[in-house]
Protein backbone atom coordinates (compact mmCIF):
# COMPACT_ATOMS: atom_id res chain seq x y z
CA MET A 1 53.61 82.04 14.08
CA LEU A 2 51.91 82.63 10.72
CA ASP A 3 50.51 79.66 8.82
CA LYS A 4 49.92 79.93 5.08
CA ILE A 5 46.57 78.37 4.32
CA PRO A 6 45.09 77.95 0.85
CA ASN A 7 42.10 80.23 0.41
CA THR A 8 39.32 77.91 1.52
CA GLU A 9 35.69 78.45 2.37
CA VAL A 10 33.75 76.74 5.13
CA VAL A 11 29.96 76.71 5.50
CA LEU A 12 29.05 77.50 9.11
CA LYS A 13 26.94 75.03 11.04
CA LEU A 14 24.99 77.16 13.49
CA ASN A 15 23.26 76.04 16.68
CA SER A 16 25.28 72.86 16.63
CA PRO A 17 25.11 70.63 19.68
CA GLU A 18 28.09 71.09 21.94
CA LEU A 19 30.84 68.53 22.26
CA PRO A 20 30.12 65.04 23.60
CA VAL A 21 29.92 64.98 27.41
CA LEU A 22 32.47 62.52 28.72
CA PRO A 23 32.26 60.67 32.07
CA LEU A 24 35.25 62.55 33.49
CA ARG A 25 35.90 64.51 36.68
CA ARG A 26 39.39 65.96 36.22
CA ILE A 27 40.76 68.46 33.75
CA ASP A 28 43.87 66.38 33.04
CA GLU A 29 41.65 63.51 31.86
CA LEU A 30 39.91 65.85 29.43
CA LEU A 31 43.14 67.36 28.13
CA ALA A 32 44.60 63.93 27.47
CA GLY A 33 41.96 63.20 24.84
CA ASN A 34 41.14 64.82 21.53
CA GLN A 35 38.15 66.99 22.39
CA GLY A 36 34.98 66.86 24.43
CA SER A 37 33.29 68.22 27.56
CA PHE A 38 32.65 67.29 31.14
CA LEU A 39 30.06 68.35 33.69
CA ILE A 40 31.30 70.49 36.59
CA LEU A 41 28.01 71.42 38.29
CA PRO A 42 24.59 69.93 37.48
CA GLU A 43 21.50 71.99 36.76
CA ASN A 44 19.37 72.90 39.75
CA GLU A 45 15.95 74.56 39.85
CA ARG A 46 13.70 75.53 42.76
CA ALA A 47 10.56 77.60 43.22
CA PHE A 48 11.39 81.11 44.40
CA THR A 49 8.77 81.02 47.16
CA ASP A 50 10.44 77.89 48.59
CA VAL A 51 13.90 79.46 48.56
CA ALA A 52 12.78 82.85 49.91
CA GLU A 53 10.89 81.50 52.91
CA GLY A 54 12.02 83.27 56.08
CA LYS A 55 14.15 85.80 54.19
CA LEU A 56 13.58 89.43 53.23
CA PHE A 57 12.47 89.14 49.61
CA ARG A 58 9.53 91.49 49.21
CA PHE A 59 7.84 93.55 46.52
CA GLY A 60 6.32 97.02 46.29
CA GLY A 61 5.50 99.81 43.90
CA GLU A 62 2.63 100.82 41.68
CA ILE A 63 2.29 97.46 39.94
CA LEU A 64 3.45 93.90 40.57
CA PHE A 65 5.28 92.03 37.83
CA GLN A 66 3.98 88.55 38.57
CA ASP A 67 6.48 86.93 36.23
CA VAL A 68 9.31 88.12 38.48
CA VAL A 69 7.59 86.68 41.54
CA ASP A 70 6.90 83.36 39.83
CA HIS A 71 10.24 82.94 38.07
CA PRO A 72 12.13 79.94 39.50
CA VAL A 73 15.61 80.11 40.94
CA LYS A 74 17.74 78.22 38.47
CA ARG A 75 21.38 77.24 38.28
CA ARG A 76 22.23 76.15 34.78
CA ALA A 77 24.66 73.25 34.43
CA VAL A 78 28.31 74.32 34.19
CA TYR A 79 30.48 72.53 31.62
CA LEU A 80 34.12 72.67 30.57
CA HIS A 81 34.73 72.26 26.82
CA SER A 82 37.99 71.27 25.12
CA VAL A 83 38.45 71.79 21.35
CA ARG A 84 41.42 71.05 19.09
CA ASP A 85 42.34 72.90 15.88
CA ALA A 86 39.73 75.66 15.94
CA TYR A 87 39.31 79.20 14.70
CA PHE A 88 38.92 81.89 17.36
CA PHE A 89 37.50 85.39 16.86
CA PRO A 90 38.69 87.39 19.92
CA LYS A 91 36.43 90.44 19.62
CA GLU A 92 33.28 88.34 19.26
CA GLY A 93 34.40 85.45 21.49
CA VAL A 94 33.36 82.94 18.81
CA VAL A 95 35.01 79.51 18.44
CA ILE A 96 34.54 77.56 15.19
CA SER A 97 35.82 74.07 14.39
CA GLN A 98 37.74 73.46 11.18
CA ASP A 99 34.68 71.86 9.62
CA GLY A 100 32.54 74.91 10.44
CA HIS A 101 30.73 74.08 13.70
CA ALA A 102 30.09 77.33 15.61
CA PHE A 103 30.06 76.24 19.24
CA ASN A 104 26.94 77.33 21.05
CA ASP A 105 28.17 78.82 24.34
CA PRO A 106 30.84 81.17 22.90
CA MET A 107 28.59 82.45 20.07
CA GLN A 108 25.50 83.46 22.08
CA GLU A 109 26.56 87.05 22.79
CA ALA A 110 27.72 87.53 19.19
CA ALA A 111 24.38 86.17 17.98
CA TYR A 112 22.64 89.23 19.45
CA PHE A 113 24.77 91.34 17.12
CA SER A 114 24.57 88.92 14.18
CA PRO A 115 22.26 85.89 14.56
CA ASP A 116 23.84 84.02 11.64
CA LEU A 117 27.37 85.38 12.38
CA SER A 118 27.52 86.84 8.86
CA LYS A 119 28.69 90.23 10.24
CA LEU A 120 31.86 88.73 11.68
CA PRO A 121 35.15 89.34 9.83
CA HIS A 122 35.75 87.11 6.80
CA MET A 123 32.10 86.02 6.73
CA SER A 124 29.64 86.36 3.85
CA LYS A 125 26.20 85.13 2.86
CA THR A 126 25.38 82.76 0.02
CA GLY A 127 21.67 82.09 0.03
CA ASP A 128 20.80 80.86 3.51
CA ASN A 129 24.39 79.88 4.30
CA THR A 130 27.03 81.84 6.17
CA ILE A 131 30.42 81.30 4.55
CA PHE A 132 33.72 81.69 6.42
CA THR A 133 36.56 82.51 4.02
CA ILE A 134 39.72 81.51 5.85
CA PRO A 135 42.46 84.17 5.48
CA GLU A 136 45.43 83.06 3.41
CA HIS A 137 47.81 83.98 6.24
CA ILE A 138 46.59 83.32 9.77
CA GLU A 139 48.46 83.39 13.06
CA ARG A 140 48.52 80.12 14.98
CA LEU A 141 48.31 79.98 18.78
CA ALA A 142 49.11 76.97 20.94
CA GLN A 143 46.91 76.63 24.05
CA VAL A 144 44.34 79.27 25.01
CA ALA A 145 41.51 79.74 27.50
CA VAL A 146 38.54 81.76 26.22
CA THR A 147 36.49 83.46 28.93
CA MET A 148 35.37 86.79 27.42
CA PRO A 149 31.98 86.85 25.67
CA MET A 150 31.27 89.65 23.23
CA GLY A 151 29.02 91.44 25.73
CA GLY A 152 31.85 91.61 28.25
CA THR A 153 33.99 93.83 26.02
CA GLY A 154 31.83 96.88 26.71
CA ASN A 155 29.26 95.96 29.36
CA TYR A 156 30.52 95.95 32.94
CA GLY A 157 27.88 93.50 34.15
CA HIS A 158 28.53 90.92 31.45
CA PHE A 159 32.27 91.14 32.06
CA VAL A 160 32.11 90.68 35.83
CA LEU A 161 29.29 88.12 35.86
CA ASP A 162 29.96 86.18 32.62
CA CYS A 163 33.74 86.38 32.16
CA LEU A 164 35.14 86.26 35.71
CA PRO A 165 33.17 83.15 36.77
CA GLY A 166 34.67 81.27 33.81
CA ILE A 167 38.12 82.19 35.09
CA ALA A 168 37.12 81.01 38.57
CA VAL A 169 35.98 77.67 37.12
CA LEU A 170 39.25 77.11 35.25
CA LYS A 171 41.30 78.02 38.30
CA SER A 172 39.29 75.70 40.54
CA LEU A 173 39.96 72.84 38.11
CA GLY A 174 43.71 73.48 38.02
CA MET A 175 44.08 74.55 34.40
CA PRO A 176 47.72 74.00 33.34
CA SER A 177 49.86 77.14 33.15
CA THR A 178 50.66 76.34 29.51
CA PHE A 179 47.18 77.66 28.64
CA GLU A 180 47.01 81.44 28.26
CA TYR A 181 43.98 83.59 29.03
CA VAL A 182 43.32 85.45 25.78
CA PHE A 183 41.28 88.62 25.31
CA PRO A 184 40.39 91.23 22.70
CA PRO A 185 41.72 94.74 23.34
CA LEU A 186 40.73 95.64 26.90
CA LYS A 187 39.34 98.76 28.54
CA PRO A 188 41.03 100.24 31.63
CA TRP A 189 38.32 98.89 33.96
CA HIS A 190 38.92 95.32 32.81
CA ILE A 191 42.50 95.23 34.05
CA PRO A 192 42.07 95.56 37.86
CA HIS A 193 39.48 92.78 37.92
CA LEU A 194 41.79 90.46 36.00
CA GLU A 195 44.70 91.34 38.28
CA MET A 196 42.57 90.51 41.34
CA GLN A 197 41.91 87.08 39.83
CA GLY A 198 45.63 86.56 39.20
CA VAL A 199 45.22 86.64 35.42
CA ASN A 200 47.92 87.93 33.09
CA PRO A 201 45.84 88.67 29.97
CA VAL A 202 47.23 88.02 26.51
CA VAL A 203 45.63 90.64 24.28
CA LEU A 204 44.93 89.64 20.67
CA ASP A 205 44.45 92.34 18.05
CA LYS A 206 43.75 90.32 14.91
CA ASP A 207 40.30 89.34 13.63
CA VAL A 208 40.79 85.59 13.77
CA TYR A 209 43.37 83.03 14.87
CA LEU A 210 43.93 79.32 14.34
CA VAL A 211 44.38 77.63 17.72
CA ASP A 212 45.83 74.21 18.48
CA HIS A 213 43.84 73.75 21.70
CA VAL A 214 41.00 75.86 23.14
CA LEU A 215 39.34 75.62 26.56
CA PHE A 216 36.09 77.42 27.37
CA THR A 217 33.20 76.99 29.79
CA SER A 218 29.44 77.38 29.56
CA CYS A 219 29.79 80.56 31.66
CA LEU A 220 30.21 82.42 28.35
CA HIS A 221 26.48 81.95 27.71
CA HIS A 222 24.72 84.63 29.82
CA ASN A 223 26.04 83.22 33.05
CA LEU A 224 24.77 86.23 35.03
CA HIS A 225 21.22 84.87 34.87
CA TRP A 226 22.14 81.52 36.45
CA PRO A 227 24.85 82.16 39.07
CA SER A 228 26.74 79.21 40.50
CA GLU A 229 28.95 78.73 43.52
CA HIS A 230 31.91 79.94 41.46
CA PHE A 231 30.70 83.51 42.02
CA LEU A 232 31.82 83.04 45.63
CA ASP A 233 35.39 82.53 44.41
CA ILE A 234 35.27 86.05 42.97
CA SER A 235 33.68 87.82 45.94
CA ARG A 236 35.49 85.87 48.67
CA GLY A 237 37.51 88.04 51.03
CA THR A 238 35.39 91.18 50.58
CA ASP A 239 33.03 90.59 53.53
CA ASN A 240 32.66 93.29 56.18
CA PRO A 241 31.05 92.04 59.40
CA SER A 242 29.57 95.46 60.24
CA PRO A 243 28.80 97.51 57.09
CA GLU A 244 27.31 100.92 57.86
CA ARG A 245 26.96 102.95 54.65
CA LYS A 246 23.69 103.60 52.84
CA ILE A 247 24.23 104.34 49.16
CA TYR A 248 22.12 105.31 46.17
CA LEU A 249 23.53 104.47 42.74
CA SER A 250 22.97 107.50 40.53
CA ARG A 251 21.93 106.96 36.90
CA SER A 252 22.70 110.51 35.80
CA GLN A 253 25.14 109.33 33.12
CA GLN A 254 23.12 106.30 31.97
CA LYS A 255 21.19 105.84 28.73
CA ARG A 256 17.77 105.08 30.28
CA THR A 257 15.94 108.15 31.60
CA PHE A 258 14.83 108.18 35.24
CA ILE A 259 12.66 111.31 35.27
CA SER A 260 12.29 111.84 39.01
CA GLU A 261 15.81 110.78 39.95
CA PRO A 262 17.04 114.26 41.02
CA ARG A 263 14.14 114.54 43.48
CA LEU A 264 14.70 110.99 44.74
CA GLU A 265 18.40 111.69 45.27
CA GLU A 266 17.57 114.81 47.26
CA ALA A 267 15.06 112.92 49.42
CA LEU A 268 17.45 110.04 50.07
CA ALA A 269 20.34 112.36 50.90
CA ALA A 270 18.09 113.91 53.55
CA ILE A 271 17.80 110.53 55.32
CA GLY A 272 21.49 109.72 55.29
CA PHE A 273 22.13 108.14 51.89
CA GLU A 274 25.29 108.85 49.93
CA ILE A 275 24.61 109.57 46.25
CA VAL A 276 27.33 107.85 44.25
CA ALA A 277 28.23 107.29 40.61
CA PRO A 278 30.25 104.05 40.72
CA GLU A 279 31.72 104.52 37.24
CA SER A 280 33.52 107.67 38.46
CA ARG A 281 35.56 105.63 40.97
CA SER A 282 38.38 103.15 40.62
CA ILE A 283 37.50 99.46 40.65
CA GLN A 284 38.95 99.00 44.14
CA GLU A 285 37.00 102.03 45.39
CA GLN A 286 33.82 100.54 43.93
CA ILE A 287 34.42 97.21 45.63
CA ASP A 288 35.12 98.93 48.96
CA LEU A 289 31.97 101.02 48.55
CA PHE A 290 29.75 97.97 48.17
CA LYS A 291 31.60 95.94 50.82
CA ASN A 292 30.89 98.66 53.37
CA ALA A 293 27.24 99.25 52.40
CA LYS A 294 24.41 97.94 54.56
CA VAL A 295 21.78 99.30 52.13
CA VAL A 296 22.16 99.73 48.36
CA VAL A 297 19.40 101.42 46.33
CA GLY A 298 19.51 101.61 42.55
CA ALA A 299 17.56 101.23 39.33
CA ALA A 300 17.83 98.02 37.31
CA GLY A 301 20.97 97.80 35.20
CA ALA A 302 24.71 97.19 35.22
CA ASN A 303 25.09 99.64 38.14
CA LEU A 304 23.99 96.78 40.40
CA THR A 305 26.73 94.39 39.24
CA ASN A 306 28.91 95.16 42.23
CA VAL A 307 26.37 93.78 44.71
CA LEU A 308 28.60 90.76 44.09
CA TYR A 309 30.95 92.38 46.62
CA CYS A 310 28.34 93.22 49.27
CA SER A 311 28.70 91.66 52.70
CA PRO A 312 26.19 88.99 53.79
CA GLY A 313 23.09 90.57 55.30
CA ALA A 314 23.26 93.78 53.24
CA GLU A 315 19.96 94.89 51.71
CA ILE A 316 19.60 95.56 47.99
CA ILE A 317 16.60 97.67 46.97
CA GLU A 318 16.11 97.59 43.21
CA ILE A 319 13.84 99.94 41.24
CA GLN A 320 12.61 97.94 38.24
CA PRO A 321 10.81 99.68 35.36
CA TYR A 322 8.70 97.57 33.03
CA GLY A 323 10.93 96.29 30.22
CA MET A 324 13.90 95.95 32.59
CA HIS A 325 12.27 93.61 35.10
CA ASN A 326 14.52 90.67 35.74
CA VAL A 327 15.77 88.30 38.41
CA TRP A 328 19.56 88.30 38.07
CA VAL A 329 20.04 90.59 41.09
CA ARG A 330 17.61 88.43 43.07
CA ASN A 331 19.61 85.32 42.18
CA LEU A 332 22.86 86.98 43.23
CA ALA A 333 21.25 88.00 46.52
CA LEU A 334 20.17 84.44 47.23
CA LEU A 335 23.63 83.07 46.52
CA LEU A 336 25.43 85.75 48.55
CA GLN A 337 22.99 85.78 51.52
CA LEU A 338 21.78 89.31 50.83
CA LYS A 339 18.33 90.79 51.34
CA TRP A 340 16.52 91.83 48.16
CA SER A 341 13.56 94.16 47.80
CA VAL A 342 12.17 95.43 44.51
CA TYR A 343 10.02 98.46 43.74
CA PHE A 344 8.22 98.09 40.41
CA CYS A 345 7.19 100.98 38.17
CA ARG A 346 5.79 101.52 34.71
CA SER A 347 7.86 102.84 31.81
CA ASN A 348 7.49 104.44 28.40
CA HIS A 349 9.41 103.49 25.29
CA ILE A 350 11.22 106.29 23.47
CA ASP A 351 10.60 106.03 19.71
CA GLY A 352 13.60 105.19 17.57
CA GLN A 353 15.64 103.55 20.33
CA ASP A 354 16.11 99.91 21.25
CA ALA A 355 13.87 98.41 23.92
CA ALA A 356 16.34 98.53 26.80
CA ALA A 357 18.07 101.85 26.06
CA GLY A 358 14.96 103.68 24.91
CA LEU A 359 13.13 103.65 28.23
CA GLU A 360 12.03 106.48 30.43
CA PHE A 361 10.45 105.83 33.79
CA ASP A 362 9.22 107.69 36.83
CA VAL A 363 8.27 106.95 40.44
CA ASN A 364 6.32 108.53 43.27
CA VAL A 365 9.30 109.76 45.28
CA SER A 366 7.57 109.88 48.65
CA ASP A 367 6.25 106.34 48.13
CA VAL A 368 9.73 105.03 47.28
CA VAL A 369 11.19 106.69 50.38
CA LYS A 370 8.47 105.12 52.55
CA PHE A 371 9.21 101.77 50.93
CA ILE A 372 12.89 102.12 51.77
CA GLU A 373 12.45 103.51 55.29
CA ALA A 374 9.43 101.72 56.67
CA GLY A 375 9.28 98.48 54.71
CA ARG A 376 5.95 99.14 53.02
CA TYR A 377 6.04 95.79 51.26
CA ARG A 378 3.49 93.70 49.51
CA ASP A 379 3.37 90.04 50.41
CA VAL A 380 5.37 87.81 48.05
CA LEU A 381 2.22 86.14 46.74
CA GLY A 382 -0.25 89.00 47.02
CA SER A 383 -1.18 91.67 44.50
CA THR A 384 -4.17 93.61 43.29
CA GLU A 385 -2.69 94.31 39.88
CA THR A 386 -0.34 92.14 37.84
CA THR A 387 1.23 91.97 34.41
CA ASP A 388 1.66 89.08 32.01
CA ASN A 389 5.07 87.66 31.12
CA SER A 390 5.46 89.33 27.73
CA GLY A 391 8.12 91.79 28.83
CA PHE A 392 10.30 89.51 30.91
CA ARG A 393 14.01 89.61 30.05
CA PRO A 394 15.43 86.10 30.68
């Protein structure tokens, strides 16, 4: 349905507080009102050393990134938000109220691309203000659920770990079937994941829509860094009680340069590892690969997303170059009852490229193999050389 709207301009209100949090516990109570939010899971934070006690969470390599060791294990609060009469930008995942409030959780991924949202369609700058010029003719939608952040359109990790948990939340709450899951144009690898979650995606190809009623969750905002119990709703049913495979995740087609990777692959193949490129396999084949793996070795990056499907007790060994050191795989491992070991190494930045893509790194291959085979670990709290926190990627 196309609505004819007089050409009007709205000044965006960025970094607005989210909707008022209402003392509700059921989705039908929220939907009966005008708009607002309710808390699904409260925030929780614990020291990593407390959580890791008695488990295999160890560190090795040429240098210890102390900020990774010290970083707490945090679950950010999970909220459901309900908005009436809003503008929705499918490609960017942005939701804006009719008076110009850009809601915080949906806009965070788009803000990496355009901090003031001025690069979005129908946006312009006047002084310090971002102006949204509402199209004269705009299609109106009835009831939609927004789960896809901008990063999930092209990044496998952000799709699986930011988008799918939002779907799991809405399903667990019993979202009415009158609400449709809406998406921008999808890539082939999106579809099997959505099918496994029982989602029939409605693909939207226009820049912006006017929506009567929008539901979205806080999972849109970099959920992969703060996993909640809803991840278990995605991975449930993939456990294998006796996984046997040992796999190395090849980075040969990736944008960061792992100089010694060919030699490491050769050395690992000699001790029984399969060298695999997950992106060359179907989604179901990837899930089966991780489900049946007792050891997974790989460099930091989206290649490790599918540890979500590993069976409890599997060991994840992550090679982390400086500039890509992070804790999202660690947090997944804690939630899923996996073992996590990390081998740290230095890196060099390639001029003219962004910080994450423009990295090249190298390792001592024999040392990595010893680390994998013999457990040559440093104690969680011990190190002779450390770094500061300046390079940590939250």
